[in-house]
Protein backbone atom coordinates (compact mmCIF):
# COMPACT_ATOMS: atom_id res chain seq x y z
CA MET A 1 -7.60 -1.43 1.89
CA THR A 2 -5.98 1.24 0.53
CA ASP A 3 -2.24 1.61 0.71
CA ARG A 4 -2.11 4.50 2.97
CA THR A 5 -4.60 2.31 5.42
CA LEU A 6 -1.97 -0.43 5.15
CA PHE A 7 1.06 1.82 5.65
CA SER A 8 -0.13 3.23 9.17
CA LEU A 9 -0.51 -0.17 9.75
CA ALA A 10 2.66 -1.34 9.63
CA PHE A 11 3.44 0.73 12.58
CA ALA A 12 0.43 0.06 14.54
CA LEU A 13 1.10 -3.78 14.45
CA ALA A 14 4.45 -3.08 16.03
CA ALA A 15 3.83 -0.25 18.31
CA PRO A 16 2.59 -2.85 20.54
CA PHE A 17 5.73 -4.81 20.97
CA TRP A 18 8.00 -2.12 20.77
CA ALA A 19 6.05 -1.11 24.30
CA LEU A 20 6.69 -4.47 26.27
CA LEU A 21 10.22 -4.17 25.17
CA ILE A 22 10.31 -0.61 26.73
CA LEU A 23 8.30 -0.32 29.21
CA ALA A 24 8.03 -4.26 30.53
CA PRO A 25 10.60 -5.03 30.60
CA GLY A 26 11.79 -8.53 31.91
CA ARG A 27 8.20 -9.69 32.36
CA ARG A 28 7.89 -12.85 30.87
CA TRP A 29 5.47 -12.06 28.48
CA THR A 30 8.26 -10.07 27.05
CA ASP A 31 10.80 -12.43 27.30
CA ARG A 32 8.93 -14.79 25.43
CA ILE A 33 7.67 -12.15 22.25
CA ALA A 34 11.40 -10.82 21.87
CA ALA A 35 12.19 -14.37 21.91
CA SER A 36 9.70 -14.98 19.00
CA PRO A 37 9.77 -14.46 15.12
CA LEU A 38 5.88 -13.98 15.55
CA PRO A 39 6.02 -10.07 16.13
CA MET A 40 7.40 -9.63 12.73
CA VAL A 41 4.85 -11.91 10.92
CA PRO A 42 2.02 -9.08 11.11
CA VAL A 43 4.04 -6.65 9.27
CA ILE A 44 5.22 -8.97 6.95
CA GLY A 45 1.77 -9.35 5.70
CA VAL A 46 1.51 -5.74 5.34
CA TYR A 47 4.50 -5.69 2.98
CA LEU A 48 3.42 -8.69 1.29
CA ALA A 49 0.09 -7.00 0.54
CA LEU A 50 1.86 -3.74 -0.45
CA ALA A 51 5.03 -5.48 -2.19
CA ILE A 52 2.45 -7.94 -4.50
CA PRO A 53 0.71 -4.91 -6.65
CA VAL A 54 3.96 -3.16 -7.67
CA PHE A 55 5.98 -6.41 -7.04
CA PRO A 56 7.82 -5.08 -10.53
CA GLN A 57 8.36 -2.01 -10.18
CA LEU A 58 10.16 -2.91 -6.69
CA TRP A 59 12.29 -6.27 -7.70
CA ALA A 60 13.76 -3.28 -11.23
CA ALA A 61 14.70 -1.20 -8.34
CA VAL A 62 16.33 -3.63 -5.49
CA SER A 63 17.95 -6.41 -8.38
CA HIS A 64 19.87 -3.44 -10.43
CA PRO A 65 19.71 -0.34 -7.60
CA ASP A 66 19.81 3.11 -8.63
CA LEU A 67 18.24 6.47 -7.20
CA ALA A 68 16.12 7.10 -10.01
CA GLY A 69 14.72 3.59 -9.96
CA PHE A 70 14.34 3.93 -6.20
CA GLN A 71 12.41 7.15 -6.88
CA ARG A 72 10.16 5.38 -9.08
CA LEU A 73 9.44 3.13 -6.52
CA LEU A 74 8.53 5.97 -3.78
CA ALA A 75 6.37 7.77 -5.91
CA LEU A 76 4.26 4.87 -6.11
CA GLY A 77 2.08 4.65 -3.05
CA GLY A 78 2.47 1.11 -2.91
CA GLY A 79 5.93 1.51 -3.45
CA ALA A 80 6.45 3.77 -1.11
CA GLY A 81 4.22 1.54 1.88
CA ALA A 82 6.21 -1.84 0.97
CA ILE A 83 9.46 0.37 1.66
CA TRP A 84 8.25 1.18 5.11
CA ALA A 85 6.57 -2.19 6.87
CA GLN A 86 9.75 -3.93 5.71
CA LEU A 87 11.93 -1.02 7.94
CA ILE A 88 9.28 -1.64 10.23
CA ALA A 89 9.75 -5.04 10.49
CA TRP A 90 13.83 -5.19 10.71
CA ASP A 91 13.45 -2.43 13.16
CA LEU A 92 11.92 -4.91 14.97
CA PHE A 93 13.39 -7.63 15.01
CA LEU A 94 16.66 -5.62 15.15
CA GLY A 95 14.44 -4.21 18.47
CA GLN A 96 13.91 -7.52 19.99
CA TRP A 97 17.70 -8.65 19.24
CA MET A 98 18.65 -5.71 21.24
CA TYR A 99 16.19 -6.54 23.90
CA ARG A 100 17.59 -10.31 24.62
CA GLU A 101 21.08 -8.58 23.91
CA ALA A 102 20.80 -6.23 27.03
CA ARG A 103 18.59 -7.87 29.26
CA ALA A 104 21.89 -11.10 28.75
CA LEU A 105 24.78 -8.46 29.29
CA GLY A 106 22.45 -6.87 32.22
CA ILE A 107 22.29 -2.99 30.55
CA HIS A 108 19.74 -1.79 33.16
CA PRO A 109 16.24 -0.87 31.50
CA LEU A 110 16.35 3.42 31.99
CA VAL A 111 19.44 3.11 29.33
CA MET A 112 17.67 0.72 27.09
CA GLY A 113 14.49 2.46 26.95
CA PRO A 114 15.82 5.26 25.23
CA LEU A 115 18.02 3.24 22.60
CA LEU A 116 14.96 1.25 21.43
CA VAL A 117 12.94 4.45 21.37
CA LEU A 118 16.40 5.78 19.14
CA THR A 119 15.90 2.73 17.32
CA ILE A 120 12.40 2.89 16.55
CA LEU A 121 13.04 6.48 15.06
CA LEU A 122 16.06 5.94 13.73
CA SER A 123 17.40 2.51 13.66
CA PRO A 124 21.00 2.80 12.32
CA LEU A 125 21.81 5.16 14.79
CA GLY A 126 20.55 3.70 17.66
CA ALA A 127 22.13 0.16 16.68
CA LEU A 128 25.17 1.70 16.51
CA LEU A 129 24.56 3.08 19.66
CA PHE A 130 23.71 -0.09 21.22
CA LEU A 131 27.04 -1.59 19.13
CA CYS A 132 29.03 0.34 20.92
CA LEU A 133 27.40 0.06 24.84
CA ARG A 134 27.75 -4.00 24.19
CA GLY A 135 31.18 -3.89 23.24
CA ALA A 136 32.87 -1.45 26.15
CA LEU A 137 30.82 -3.59 28.03
CA ARG A 138 32.02 -7.06 26.53
CA CYS A 139 35.76 -5.11 26.77
CA ARG A 140 35.55 -4.23 30.12
CA ALA A 141 34.90 -7.73 30.98
CA GLY A 142 37.58 -9.54 29.12
CA GLN A 143 35.45 -11.09 27.29
CA ARG A 144 36.73 -11.71 23.61
CA PRO A 145 35.30 -13.72 20.66
CA PRO A 146 37.12 -17.08 20.74
CA ALA A 147 40.01 -16.64 18.25
CA PRO A 148 39.67 -19.50 15.26
CA THR A 149 41.86 -22.28 15.95
CA ASN A 150 43.41 -24.25 12.96
CA GLN A 151 43.69 -27.81 14.74
CA ARG A 152 42.31 -30.77 11.90
CA ALA A 153 40.17 -33.20 13.37
CA GLY A 154 41.89 -36.90 13.56
C-alpha cells in the first residue's frame, strides 16, 4: 500500500466508531465500543505501517523536538502519514473518553454530538469545551475531587 492510501485509510478505519459515538449514543453496542481500546488497534496498525519505514527520522523528530526536525519528518510521505494516524488514534481515544464521561454525567447527546464532531476536526478545542462543560456540571452538582489525606496507616 502506498503512503497516500494508508493516510486515507487511517481516518476511514476510525470513522465508523465516531459515527456510533455521535449518531447512536446510548445503544448497547456503542457503549461497549466506547469502553474498549480495540477501535484504535487498526489505526495503530496503519501508524506502524507508516512509521516503521521512516523510524530513524521519526525518532530524531520526537526525541529531540525542534521545528526543523518536524518539518523534515512531515516532508516524508510516511512521516506525515504516521503523524496523521497517531492523531487519528489519539482523537478516537479522546472521543471515547468524552463519550463515557458524558454518559456518566448525563450530558444530552444533542450537546455531545457537536462536541465530538469538533473533537474530530480540532481535538484541542473540542476537549477544552468538553472539560469546561464537565467542570461546570460537576460544580453545579457539588462534586469536588476528594481532598488528599495525610493520615498514616497504623
